Protein backbone atom coordinates (compact mmCIF):
# COMPACT_ATOMS: atom_id res chain seq x y z
CA GLY A 1 -6.32 4.08 6.15
CA TYR A 2 -4.74 3.29 2.89
CA PHE A 3 -3.54 0.10 3.95
CA SER A 4 -6.69 -1.14 5.31
CA ASN A 5 -8.79 -0.16 2.31
CA GLU A 6 -5.70 -1.90 0.43
CA ARG A 7 -5.55 -5.96 -0.72
CA LYS A 8 -2.09 -7.45 0.96
CA GLY A 9 -0.96 -9.43 -2.64
CA ASP A 10 -1.87 -5.91 -4.33
CA LEU A 11 0.55 -3.76 -2.04
CA ILE A 12 3.13 -6.49 -2.44
CA SER A 13 3.36 -6.32 -6.14
CA ARG A 14 3.11 -2.68 -6.24
CA LEU A 15 6.26 -2.80 -3.92
CA THR A 16 8.44 -5.37 -5.64
CA ASN A 17 7.29 -5.90 -9.21
CA ASP A 18 5.55 -1.93 -10.00
CA VAL A 19 9.02 -0.94 -8.60
CA GLN A 20 11.40 -3.32 -10.72
CA GLU A 21 8.89 -1.64 -13.61
CA VAL A 22 9.79 1.69 -12.70
CA GLU A 23 13.64 0.89 -12.38
CA ILE A 24 13.94 -0.76 -15.97
CA SER A 25 11.97 1.91 -17.78
CA VAL A 26 14.51 4.33 -16.03
CA VAL A 27 17.99 2.24 -17.09
CA ASN A 28 16.42 1.33 -20.17
CA THR A 29 15.23 5.31 -21.51
CA LEU A 30 17.46 7.34 -19.82
CA THR A 31 20.22 6.89 -22.54
CA ALA A 32 17.76 7.45 -25.05
CA VAL A 33 15.90 10.30 -24.00
CA PHE A 34 19.05 12.18 -23.08
CA LYS A 35 21.35 11.60 -26.29
CA GLU A 36 18.57 11.13 -29.24
CA PRO A 37 17.16 14.61 -29.00
CA LEU A 38 20.60 16.00 -29.34
CA ASN A 39 21.30 13.74 -32.19
CA ILE A 40 17.77 15.04 -33.93
CA VAL A 41 18.32 18.36 -33.12
CA GLY A 42 21.97 18.46 -34.62
CA ILE A 43 20.96 16.75 -37.57
CA PHE A 44 17.83 19.36 -37.91
CA VAL A 45 20.23 22.26 -38.17
CA LEU A 46 22.82 20.40 -40.39
CA LEU A 47 19.38 19.96 -42.93
CA PHE A 48 18.12 23.42 -42.02
CA SER A 49 21.59 25.20 -42.98
CA MET A 50 21.27 23.10 -46.63
CA SER A 51 17.84 23.98 -47.23
CA ALA A 52 16.02 25.95 -44.55
CA ARG A 53 12.58 25.60 -46.93
CA LEU A 54 13.00 21.06 -47.40
CA THR A 55 13.35 21.03 -43.55
CA LEU A 56 10.14 22.99 -42.91
CA PHE A 57 8.45 21.00 -45.29
CA SER A 58 9.87 17.66 -43.58
CA LEU A 59 8.77 19.63 -39.71
CA VAL A 60 5.55 19.35 -41.62
CA LEU A 61 5.09 15.82 -42.19
CA LEU A 62 6.78 15.21 -39.04
CA PRO A 63 3.22 15.31 -37.14
CA ILE A 64 2.67 12.06 -38.74
CA SER A 65 4.86 10.40 -37.06
CA GLY A 66 4.45 11.91 -34.00
CA GLY A 67 0.66 11.08 -33.82
CA ILE A 68 1.03 7.22 -34.63
CA ILE A 69 3.99 6.83 -31.97
CA ALA A 70 1.70 8.64 -29.39
CA SER A 71 -1.81 6.38 -30.39
CA VAL A 72 0.97 3.61 -30.03
CA SER A 73 2.04 4.82 -26.42
CA LYS A 74 -1.49 5.56 -25.67
CA ARG A 75 -2.65 2.19 -26.25
CA LEU A 76 0.61 0.89 -24.28
CA ARG A 77 -0.26 2.21 -21.32
CA ARG A 78 -4.07 1.36 -21.48
CA HIS A 79 -3.17 -2.03 -21.42
CA ALA A 80 0.03 -2.09 -18.61
CA THR A 81 -2.60 -0.01 -15.94
CA ILE A 82 -4.67 -3.65 -16.54
CA SER A 83 -1.58 -5.52 -16.36
CA GLN A 84 -0.33 -4.34 -12.99
CA THR A 85 -3.61 -4.44 -11.64
CA THR A 86 -4.40 -7.87 -12.86
CA LEU A 87 -0.70 -9.08 -11.40
CA GLY A 88 -1.84 -7.40 -7.97
CA ALA A 89 -5.18 -9.65 -8.05
CA MET A 90 -3.23 -12.18 -8.66
CA LEU A 91 -1.11 -11.74 -6.18
CA SER A 92 -3.69 -11.02 -3.44
CA VAL A 93 -5.39 -14.83 -4.37
CA ILE A 94 -2.05 -16.45 -3.91
CA GLU A 95 -1.92 -14.53 -0.77
CA GLU A 96 -4.96 -15.30 0.54
CA THR A 97 -5.52 -18.97 -0.31
CA LEU A 98 -2.20 -19.39 1.15
CA GLY A 99 -3.42 -17.45 4.20
CA GLY A 100 -6.46 -19.20 4.46
CA MET A 101 -5.35 -22.93 3.51
CA ARG A 102 -7.41 -24.26 6.77
CA VAL A 103 -10.98 -22.97 5.73
CA VAL A 104 -10.11 -23.97 2.22
CA LYS A 105 -9.53 -27.02 2.76
CA ALA A 106 -12.63 -27.26 5.45
CA PHE A 107 -15.02 -26.09 3.02
CA ASN A 108 -13.59 -28.30 0.10
CA ALA A 109 -13.15 -24.86 -1.65
CA ARG A 110 -10.19 -25.97 -4.03
CA ASN A 111 -11.53 -26.04 -7.11
CA TYR A 112 -13.33 -23.02 -6.34
CA VAL A 113 -9.70 -21.16 -5.46
CA PHE A 114 -8.04 -22.41 -8.86
CA ALA A 115 -10.50 -21.29 -10.49
CA LYS A 116 -10.05 -17.91 -9.19
CA PHE A 117 -6.66 -17.73 -9.53
CA GLN A 118 -7.21 -19.01 -13.20
CA PHE A 119 -9.24 -15.96 -14.08
CA GLN A 120 -7.16 -13.77 -12.87
CA ASN A 121 -4.03 -15.98 -14.37
CA ASP A 122 -5.66 -16.16 -17.73
CA LEU A 123 -6.34 -11.98 -18.12
CA TYR A 124 -2.93 -11.61 -17.01
CA ALA A 125 -1.26 -13.59 -19.50
CA ARG A 126 -4.08 -12.22 -22.64
CA THR A 127 -3.02 -8.15 -21.16
CA THR A 128 0.76 -9.21 -21.34
CA GLN A 129 0.33 -10.36 -24.90
CA ASP A 130 -1.51 -7.60 -25.99
CA ILE A 131 1.76 -5.33 -24.94
CA ASP A 132 4.06 -7.33 -26.45
CA ASN A 133 2.44 -7.30 -29.51
CA THR A 134 1.73 -3.31 -29.06
CA ARG A 135 5.04 -3.30 -28.19
CA ASP A 136 6.31 -5.43 -31.19
CA LEU A 137 4.20 -2.98 -33.19
CA ALA A 138 5.85 0.07 -31.89
CA SER A 139 8.95 -0.46 -34.38
CA PRO A 140 7.70 -0.92 -37.73
CA PHE A 141 5.43 2.06 -36.98
CA SER A 142 7.81 4.65 -36.37
CA GLU A 143 9.71 2.82 -39.83
CA PHE A 144 7.12 2.82 -41.68
CA ALA A 145 6.46 6.97 -40.73
CA GLY A 146 10.18 7.52 -40.94
CA VAL A 147 9.86 6.27 -44.64
CA THR A 148 6.65 7.98 -45.90
CA VAL A 149 8.56 11.20 -44.93
CA VAL A 150 11.32 10.24 -46.49
CA ALA A 151 9.08 9.73 -49.61
CA GLY A 152 7.60 13.15 -49.43
CA LEU A 153 10.65 14.52 -49.24
CA LEU A 154 11.94 12.55 -52.00
CA TYR A 155 8.88 13.58 -54.21
CA TYR A 156 8.59 17.49 -53.33
CA GLY A 157 12.39 18.17 -53.16
CA GLY A 158 13.05 16.00 -56.35
CA SER A 159 10.44 18.60 -57.61
CA LEU A 160 11.97 21.34 -57.07
CA VAL A 161 15.51 20.43 -58.07
CA LEU A 162 14.37 19.51 -61.35
CA SER A 163 12.20 22.90 -61.60
CA GLY A 164 15.18 24.87 -60.68
CA GLU A 165 13.01 26.05 -57.42
CA ALA A 166 15.44 24.48 -54.92
CA GLY A 167 17.23 27.54 -53.94
CA GLY A 168 20.72 26.46 -55.32
CA LEU A 169 20.08 23.19 -53.90
CA SER A 170 21.75 20.93 -56.70
CA ALA A 171 21.31 17.61 -57.45
CA SER A 172 24.38 15.85 -55.53
CA ALA A 173 23.01 18.12 -53.01
CA PHE A 174 19.70 16.69 -52.43
CA ILE A 175 21.01 13.41 -52.45
CA THR A 176 23.17 14.08 -49.36
CA TYR A 177 20.72 16.11 -47.75
CA ILE A 178 17.76 13.15 -47.76
CA ILE A 179 20.98 10.61 -46.41
CA LEU A 180 21.39 12.79 -43.93
CA PHE A 181 17.60 13.25 -42.96
CA SER A 182 17.41 9.50 -42.94
CA GLN A 183 19.79 9.36 -40.13
CA ILE A 184 16.76 11.00 -38.38
CA LEU A 185 15.70 7.37 -38.29
CA THR A 186 17.81 5.91 -36.11
CA PRO A 187 17.54 8.07 -33.07
CA ALA A 188 13.75 8.55 -33.81
CA LYS A 189 13.00 4.87 -33.34
CA SER A 190 15.25 4.57 -30.39
CA LEU A 191 13.08 7.81 -29.29
CA SER A 192 10.03 5.40 -30.11
CA GLY A 193 10.73 2.69 -27.93
CA ALA A 194 11.86 4.51 -25.18
CA PHE A 195 8.48 6.07 -24.99
CA SER A 196 6.88 2.44 -24.89
CA ASN A 197 9.04 1.45 -22.35
CA ILE A 198 8.19 4.72 -20.41
CA GLN A 199 4.38 4.03 -20.78
CA ARG A 200 4.66 1.49 -18.26
CA GLY A 201 7.33 2.99 -15.82
CA LEU A 202 4.47 5.50 -15.84
CA VAL A 203 1.74 3.62 -14.78
CA ALA A 204 3.90 1.31 -12.25
CA GLY A 205 5.24 4.46 -10.50
CA ALA A 206 1.35 5.99 -10.28
CA ARG A 207 1.03 2.64 -8.14
CA VAL A 208 3.76 2.97 -6.28
CA LEU A 209 3.13 6.54 -4.85
CA SER A 210 -0.55 5.91 -4.43
CA ILE A 211 0.63 3.91 -0.69
CA ILE A 212 -14.58 9.30 9.22
CA ASP A 213 -16.53 11.72 10.35
CA THR A 214 -16.94 11.57 14.87
CA GLU A 215 -16.57 14.08 17.63
CA SER A 216 -12.93 12.58 18.85
CA ASN A 217 -13.20 14.09 22.21
CA VAL A 218 -12.15 11.38 25.07
CA ARG A 219 -11.76 13.41 27.84
CA ASP A 220 -7.69 13.13 29.62
CA GLN A 221 -9.03 9.78 32.50
CA PRO A 222 -6.61 7.70 33.70
CA GLY A 223 -8.49 4.48 32.50
CA ALA A 224 -11.15 5.36 29.25
CA ALA A 225 -13.29 2.68 27.65
CA LEU A 226 -14.85 2.58 24.30
CA VAL A 227 -18.23 0.18 24.21
CA GLY A 228 -20.96 -0.41 21.74
CA PRO A 229 -22.70 -2.71 19.17
CA SER A 230 -20.37 -3.93 16.37
CA GLY A 231 -19.77 -1.17 13.91
CA GLY A 232 -20.28 1.62 16.19
CA GLY A 233 -16.75 3.30 15.44
CA LYS A 234 -14.67 1.90 18.50
CA SER A 235 -11.97 0.66 16.42
CA THR A 236 -12.17 3.82 13.81
CA LEU A 237 -12.16 5.69 16.93
CA ALA A 238 -9.00 4.59 18.01
CA ASP A 239 -7.56 4.21 15.52
CA LEU A 240 -7.81 7.82 15.38
CA LEU A 241 -5.60 8.72 18.41
CA PRO A 242 -1.93 6.61 16.49
CA ARG A 243 -3.17 8.85 13.01
CA PHE A 244 -3.84 5.78 11.04
CA TYR A 245 -6.78 7.90 10.37
CA ASP A 246 -6.98 11.77 10.80
CA PRO A 247 -10.39 13.01 11.24
CA SER A 248 -12.79 14.60 8.61
CA SER A 249 -13.98 17.56 11.19
CA GLY A 250 -13.55 17.72 14.98
CA GLN A 251 -9.44 17.58 16.31
CA VAL A 252 -7.85 14.60 18.37
CA LEU A 253 -6.25 16.24 21.05
CA ILE A 254 -3.63 14.52 23.65
CA ASP A 255 -2.61 17.49 26.34
CA GLY A 256 -4.21 20.32 24.35
CA HIS A 257 -1.97 19.38 21.31
CA ASP A 258 -4.32 18.27 17.93
CA VAL A 259 -2.04 15.10 16.83
CA ARG A 260 -1.99 16.09 13.10
CA ASP A 261 0.07 19.65 14.15
CA CYS A 262 2.49 16.70 15.55
CA THR A 263 4.74 14.34 13.21
CA LEU A 264 3.83 10.81 13.11
CA HIS A 265 7.22 9.26 14.68
CA SER A 266 6.38 11.96 18.00
CA VAL A 267 2.81 10.87 17.91
CA ARG A 268 2.90 7.03 18.09
CA ALA A 269 6.38 6.64 20.11
CA GLN A 270 3.72 7.94 22.59
CA MET A 271 1.45 4.73 22.48
CA GLY A 272 1.56 1.16 23.03
CA ILE A 273 -1.45 -1.12 21.09
CA VAL A 274 -2.45 -4.01 21.68
CA THR A 275 -5.40 -6.09 19.77
CA GLN A 276 -7.46 -8.77 19.01
CA GLU A 277 -5.22 -10.41 16.09
CA SER A 278 -1.85 -10.18 18.12
CA ILE A 279 0.64 -8.95 15.17
CA LEU A 280 4.02 -11.20 15.17
CA PHE A 281 6.76 -11.83 12.71
CA ASN A 282 8.20 -15.06 11.73
CA ASP A 283 11.29 -14.75 13.88
CA THR A 284 12.62 -15.80 17.48
CA ILE A 285 10.24 -15.01 20.51
CA TYR A 286 13.31 -12.60 21.93
CA ASN A 287 13.07 -9.90 18.05
CA ASN A 288 9.45 -10.13 18.51
CA ILE A 289 9.61 -8.61 21.85
CA LYS A 290 11.88 -6.27 21.17
CA PHE A 291 10.51 -5.16 18.30
CA ASN A 292 12.64 -1.70 17.43
CA THR A 293 13.76 -1.23 20.84
CA GLU A 294 17.01 -0.56 22.21
CA ALA A 295 16.21 -2.87 25.18
CA THR A 296 18.58 -5.07 26.65
CA GLU A 297 18.49 -9.11 27.45
CA GLU A 298 16.96 -8.49 31.25
CA GLU A 299 14.66 -6.01 29.98
CA VAL A 300 13.18 -8.35 27.99
CA ILE A 301 13.21 -10.93 30.43
CA GLU A 302 11.15 -8.53 32.78
CA ALA A 303 8.68 -7.85 30.22
CA ALA A 304 8.40 -10.99 29.24
CA LYS A 305 7.89 -11.99 33.22
CA THR A 306 4.99 -9.08 33.60
CA ALA A 307 2.53 -10.45 30.46
CA ASN A 308 3.05 -13.70 31.63
CA ALA A 309 4.86 -15.10 29.21
CA HIS A 310 8.17 -16.21 30.78
CA ASP A 311 7.39 -19.66 31.76
CA PHE A 312 6.05 -20.88 28.23
CA ILE A 313 9.29 -19.12 26.68
CA MET A 314 11.30 -20.90 28.85
CA ALA A 315 9.43 -24.10 27.88
CA SER A 316 9.95 -23.95 24.33
CA PRO A 317 12.56 -25.76 22.56
CA ASP A 318 15.08 -22.31 22.32
CA GLY A 319 13.41 -20.58 24.68
CA TYR A 320 13.63 -16.85 23.65
CA GLN A 321 15.70 -17.85 20.37
CA THR A 322 12.53 -19.97 19.13
CA THR A 323 11.28 -19.04 15.88
CA ILE A 324 7.40 -18.90 16.26
CA GLY A 325 6.67 -19.38 12.14
CA ASP A 326 5.11 -16.86 10.10
CA ARG A 327 2.36 -14.72 11.89
CA GLY A 328 3.00 -16.66 15.26
CA GLY A 329 1.48 -19.64 13.69
CA ARG A 330 3.46 -22.20 16.29
CA LEU A 331 2.57 -20.27 19.00
CA SER A 332 -1.31 -20.59 21.25
CA GLY A 333 -3.83 -17.37 20.93
CA GLY A 334 -2.81 -16.61 24.45
CA GLN A 335 0.57 -17.00 24.10
CA ARG A 336 0.56 -14.76 21.11
CA GLN A 337 -1.22 -11.96 23.05
CA ARG A 338 0.99 -12.13 25.75
CA LEU A 339 4.14 -11.94 23.81
CA SER A 340 2.24 -9.22 21.85
CA ILE A 341 1.76 -7.59 25.33
CA ALA A 342 5.37 -7.91 26.52
CA ARG A 343 6.09 -6.15 23.58
CA ALA A 344 4.03 -3.07 24.61
CA ILE A 345 5.39 -3.41 28.07
CA LEU A 346 8.79 -3.28 27.05
CA ARG A 347 8.23 -0.10 25.09
CA ASN A 348 6.92 1.91 28.65
CA PRO A 349 4.43 4.23 26.00
CA PRO A 350 2.39 6.73 28.21
CA ILE A 351 -0.92 5.71 26.06
CA LEU A 352 -1.74 2.68 25.87
CA ILE A 353 -4.78 1.31 23.39
CA LEU A 354 -6.11 -1.97 24.60
CA ASP A 355 -8.79 -3.22 21.41
CA GLU A 356 -10.44 -6.69 22.17
CA ALA A 357 -7.51 -7.73 23.13
CA THR A 358 -8.77 -10.64 25.38
CA SER A 359 -12.17 -11.40 23.09
CA ALA A 360 -10.61 -14.02 20.85
CA LEU A 361 -9.10 -16.48 24.06
CA ASP A 362 -10.53 -19.08 26.40
CA THR A 363 -11.18 -18.56 29.43
CA GLU A 364 -7.69 -19.49 31.09
CA SER A 365 -5.84 -18.05 28.86
CA GLU A 366 -8.16 -14.35 29.36
CA LYS A 367 -6.74 -14.68 32.86
CA LEU A 368 -3.24 -14.53 31.98
CA VAL A 369 -3.51 -12.11 29.68
CA GLN A 370 -6.13 -9.68 31.61
CA GLU A 371 -3.77 -10.32 34.62
CA ALA A 372 -0.75 -8.85 32.36
CA LEU A 373 -2.68 -6.15 31.05
CA THR A 374 -3.97 -5.22 34.59
CA ARG A 375 -0.48 -4.96 34.96
CA LEU A 376 0.34 -3.04 32.05
CA MET A 377 -2.14 -0.24 32.56
CA SER A 378 -0.85 0.58 36.02
CA SER A 379 0.15 4.20 35.84
CA ARG A 380 -0.70 5.33 32.79
CA THR A 381 -3.60 6.60 30.20
CA SER A 382 -5.41 3.65 29.09
CA LEU A 383 -8.07 3.74 26.12
CA VAL A 384 -9.72 -0.18 26.30
CA ILE A 385 -12.23 -1.24 23.77
CA ALA A 386 -14.52 -4.19 24.20
CA HIS A 387 -17.83 -6.04 23.97
CA ARG A 388 -17.99 -7.92 27.29
CA LEU A 389 -19.06 -4.93 29.66
CA SER A 390 -17.34 -6.56 32.24
CA THR A 391 -14.17 -6.16 31.56
CA VAL A 392 -14.40 -2.47 31.22
CA ARG A 393 -16.52 -1.65 34.64
CA HIS A 394 -13.75 -0.57 36.73
CA ALA A 395 -12.90 2.16 34.05
CA ASP A 396 -12.65 5.79 34.91
CA GLU A 397 -14.87 6.92 32.52
CA ILE A 398 -16.86 4.62 29.93
CA ILE A 399 -17.62 6.13 26.30
CA VAL A 400 -20.81 4.78 24.49
CA LEU A 401 -20.26 4.71 20.99
CA GLN A 402 -22.95 4.07 18.41
CA HIS A 403 -23.16 4.49 14.13
CA GLY A 404 -19.91 6.55 14.92
CA ARG A 405 -21.29 9.14 17.13
CA ILE A 406 -20.48 9.06 21.45
CA VAL A 407 -24.02 8.66 22.71
CA GLU A 408 -23.11 8.27 26.31
CA ARG A 409 -20.41 8.42 28.74
CA GLY A 410 -19.68 7.98 32.96
CA THR A 411 -18.80 5.38 34.96
CA HIS A 412 -20.22 2.00 35.36
CA ASP A 413 -22.55 2.46 37.42
CA GLU A 414 -23.49 5.98 36.31
CA LEU A 415 -24.84 4.62 32.89
CA LEU A 416 -26.26 1.39 34.40
CA GLN A 417 -28.57 3.99 36.31
CA ARG A 418 -30.04 4.99 32.85
CA GLU A 419 -32.23 3.05 32.37
CA GLY A 420 -33.46 2.56 28.61
CA GLY A 421 -29.82 3.80 27.92
CA LEU A 422 -27.43 1.77 25.27
CA TYR A 423 -25.56 0.53 27.63
CA HIS A 424 -28.04 -0.36 30.00
CA ARG A 425 -29.30 -2.24 27.48
CA LEU A 426 -26.16 -4.08 26.17
CA SER A 427 -25.15 -4.94 30.12
CA GLN A 428 -28.95 -6.75 30.03
CA MET A 429 -28.77 -8.52 27.17
CA GLN A 430 -25.08 -10.09 27.92
CA THR A 431 -26.67 -10.88 31.68
CA ASN A 432 -29.29 -12.75 30.14
CA ALA A 433 -26.83 -14.64 27.60
CA ALA A 434 -24.63 -15.35 30.51
CA LEU A 435 -28.09 -17.34 32.76
CA VAL A 436 -28.77 -19.26 29.39
């Protein structure tokens, strides 16, 4: 259920900008993280051999520098989280606007949509500026901390040398010690910059990696149907079969095997899905039907014929090689649905899930699609989800859902005999509506 809860624009941002941010973070920090600590350790070994007392004193002062860097890093990470989230929200506004351009124009909503985009864009710009400002401050702060430590060493070490308590460290050796200690500042500065980059990379990496309670007891039937009022849980229950979700309690069994004990690939390989919204890609008709199969051209054409799609395909400008546009936008709703059915037919799955496959079609398109579905449903286990009871009256078993629970089950005739039952009430309402 992860993808159904996320905005597409934000997912696109995670898969593009966030992945790139992780890559930049790794490339820019890899050398510093492995090389500079070795330099620092090597210098400290030399310093310790020259004066253990002064070196221990410098180690006491170093937490000052570390505290400043930690404070800057924490601030960077907080701003990076806001920045990446805001960019995802901004891309979501763009994606939704482009996808719903007809609605935006029809409702004269240009200013409304532009204001939403402007708000996210301004927030992203401010956050990015804050990140740049904080990052620019990181280097001066680290240098200031380094100079502070050197000043402390000069004061403490100088007093030891002048008082003769430096343990054999002469004035010239002390100067050499200070010069050698100052060489730590360069690798420390590089590490500070690396930590700044790492903070953005950590936030982006976390966003990249971040990619219902019902009794799922549908008995084995050649053709079962799920019906019920809107929001009753029909589509959610059907989504448990291909493991788009896993049940929080109970089991979903296929041939006696819990689907959670099977791999996602093996479960989904057994299923074909046709939904109310035909999901097609900006590619040719041929490639949309053949989608992720090794089918031959003859098999693709045969699937199209079975789905009542062959005739309109041949009437298209380039036949099966016609490009259909984003989401199949150059086709009618009925044509898109028949291509989805052809794709499912070509896969020849043992289990078929039909989720409101004809509810959005006109009468003529519905007839053609229903004929194709009837052919597709033959000789295989089918699970049909429908609002219109007339489309499921011949199902071997009808399961009635309400509030995510199975409240009735039986054949069409059996359920109609239960006066006062939910199925009986739904049937009466639809019959009365048809007579009006």
